[in-house]
Amino acid sequence: MPSLVIKNLPPEIHRRLKAEAVKNHRSMTKQAIAELETGLLHIKPIRDFKPYKIDFKINDAWLNAAKRWGRK
């Protein structure tokens, strides 16, 4: 069976994983696997799409106008 080593795990993530493992009467490894399964099984795949093609050139003036419009 494949294995995974996680280095430099942030302390807060480690603390929460440990707390969940204790709450669920699991080892930290089993809890990490359960969390990964739960998270990954609920991800919907991105459907294929065709890139949007524009019929004009993007230049500095257009880009600056778009930035100004977005800041309103």
C-alpha atoms as a PDB file:
ATOM      1  CA  MET A   1       0.000   0.000   0.000  1.00  0.00           C
ATOM      2  CA  PRO A   2       1.366   3.464  -0.853  1.00  0.00           C
ATOM      3  CA  SER A   3       2.429   5.730   1.978  1.00  0.00           C
ATOM      4  CA  LEU A   4       2.659   9.468   2.479  1.00  0.00           C
ATOM      5  CA  VAL A   5       4.950  11.536   4.695  1.00  0.00           C
ATOM      6  CA  ILE A   6       3.888  15.077   5.546  1.00  0.00           C
ATOM      7  CA  LYS A   7       6.716  17.376   6.596  1.00  0.00           C
ATOM      8  CA  ASN A   8       6.437  20.814   8.180  1.00  0.00           C
ATOM      9  CA  LEU A   9       2.806  20.346   9.231  1.00  0.00           C
ATOM     10  CA  PRO A  10       1.594  23.611  10.762  1.00  0.00           C
ATOM     11  CA  PRO A  11       1.136  23.304  14.547  1.00  0.00           C
ATOM     12  CA  GLU A  12      -2.542  24.299  14.385  1.00  0.00           C
ATOM     13  CA  ILE A  13      -3.301  21.572  11.824  1.00  0.00           C
ATOM     14  CA  HIS A  14      -1.404  19.034  13.956  1.00  0.00           C
ATOM     15  CA  ARG A  15      -3.332  20.076  17.064  1.00  0.00           C
ATOM     16  CA  ARG A  16      -6.708  19.851  15.318  1.00  0.00           C
ATOM     17  CA  LEU A  17      -5.886  16.502  13.727  1.00  0.00           C
ATOM     18  CA  LYS A  18      -4.807  15.124  17.097  1.00  0.00           C
ATOM     19  CA  ALA A  19      -7.980  16.412  18.778  1.00  0.00           C
ATOM     20  CA  GLU A  20     -10.184  14.842  16.091  1.00  0.00           C
ATOM     21  CA  ALA A  21      -8.287  11.559  16.369  1.00  0.00           C
ATOM     22  CA  VAL A  22      -8.847  11.453  20.138  1.00  0.00           C
ATOM     23  CA  LYS A  23     -12.516  12.368  19.724  1.00  0.00           C
ATOM     24  CA  ASN A  24     -13.027   9.587  17.142  1.00  0.00           C
ATOM     25  CA  HIS A  25     -10.861   6.999  18.962  1.00  0.00           C
ATOM     26  CA  ARG A  26      -8.444   6.770  16.020  1.00  0.00           C
ATOM     27  CA  SER A  27      -4.730   7.054  15.554  1.00  0.00           C
ATOM     28  CA  MET A  28      -3.556  10.258  13.927  1.00  0.00           C
ATOM     29  CA  THR A  29      -2.703   8.285  10.785  1.00  0.00           C
ATOM     30  CA  LYS A  30      -6.200   6.789  10.545  1.00  0.00           C
ATOM     31  CA  GLN A  31      -7.741  10.194  11.222  1.00  0.00           C
ATOM     32  CA  ALA A  32      -5.608  11.804   8.503  1.00  0.00           C
ATOM     33  CA  ILE A  33      -6.728   9.108   6.046  1.00  0.00           C
ATOM     34  CA  ALA A  34     -10.375   9.649   7.031  1.00  0.00           C
ATOM     35  CA  GLU A  35     -10.033  13.418   6.575  1.00  0.00           C
ATOM     36  CA  LEU A  36      -8.382  13.004   3.170  1.00  0.00           C
ATOM     37  CA  GLU A  37     -11.065  10.564   2.031  1.00  0.00           C
ATOM     38  CA  THR A  38     -13.845  12.871   3.190  1.00  0.00           C
ATOM     39  CA  GLY A  39     -12.304  15.893   1.519  1.00  0.00           C
ATOM     40  CA  LEU A  40     -11.282  14.259  -1.735  1.00  0.00           C
ATOM     41  CA  LEU A  41     -14.464  12.278  -2.298  1.00  0.00           C
ATOM     42  CA  HIS A  42     -16.580  15.432  -2.196  1.00  0.00           C
ATOM     43  CA  ILE A  43     -14.584  17.332  -4.806  1.00  0.00           C
ATOM     44  CA  LYS A  44     -16.445  17.624  -8.071  1.00  0.00           C
ATOM     45  CA  PRO A  45     -14.204  17.327 -11.119  1.00  0.00           C
ATOM     46  CA  ILE A  46     -13.907  20.395 -13.302  1.00  0.00           C
ATOM     47  CA  ARG A  47     -15.596  19.756 -16.592  1.00  0.00           C
ATOM     48  CA  ASP A  48     -13.667  20.286 -19.762  1.00  0.00           C
ATOM     49  CA  PHE A  49     -14.200  23.637 -21.366  1.00  0.00           C
ATOM     50  CA  LYS A  50     -12.941  25.450 -24.394  1.00  0.00           C
ATOM     51  CA  PRO A  51     -10.849  28.543 -23.754  1.00  0.00           C
ATOM     52  CA  TYR A  52     -12.685  31.792 -24.390  1.00  0.00           C
ATOM     53  CA  LYS A  53     -11.286  33.580 -27.408  1.00  0.00           C
ATOM     54  CA  ILE A  54     -11.511  37.338 -27.638  1.00  0.00           C
ATOM     55  CA  ASP A  55     -11.620  39.299 -30.853  1.00  0.00           C
ATOM     56  CA  PHE A  56      -9.513  42.251 -29.709  1.00  0.00           C
ATOM     57  CA  LYS A  57      -6.032  42.882 -28.403  1.00  0.00           C
ATOM     58  CA  ILE A  58      -5.452  43.648 -24.763  1.00  0.00           C
ATOM     59  CA  ASN A  59      -3.205  46.673 -24.412  1.00  0.00           C
ATOM     60  CA  ASP A  60      -2.168  48.889 -21.502  1.00  0.00           C
ATOM     61  CA  ALA A  61      -5.050  51.320 -21.991  1.00  0.00           C
ATOM     62  CA  TRP A  62      -7.643  48.530 -21.963  1.00  0.00           C
ATOM     63  CA  LEU A  63      -6.047  46.871 -18.937  1.00  0.00           C
ATOM     64  CA  ASN A  64      -5.902  50.135 -16.956  1.00  0.00           C
ATOM     65  CA  ALA A  65      -9.546  50.875 -17.803  1.00  0.00           C
ATOM     66  CA  ALA A  66     -10.538  47.386 -16.650  1.00  0.00           C
ATOM     67  CA  LYS A  67      -8.670  47.869 -13.359  1.00  0.00           C
ATOM     68  CA  ARG A  68     -10.355  51.240 -12.779  1.00  0.00           C
ATOM     69  CA  TRP A  69     -13.757  49.693 -13.563  1.00  0.00           C
ATOM     70  CA  GLY A  70     -13.117  46.828 -11.147  1.00  0.00           C
ATOM     71  CA  ARG A  71     -12.245  49.217  -8.316  1.00  0.00           C
ATOM     72  CA  LYS A  72     -15.547  51.109  -8.505  1.00  0.00           C
END
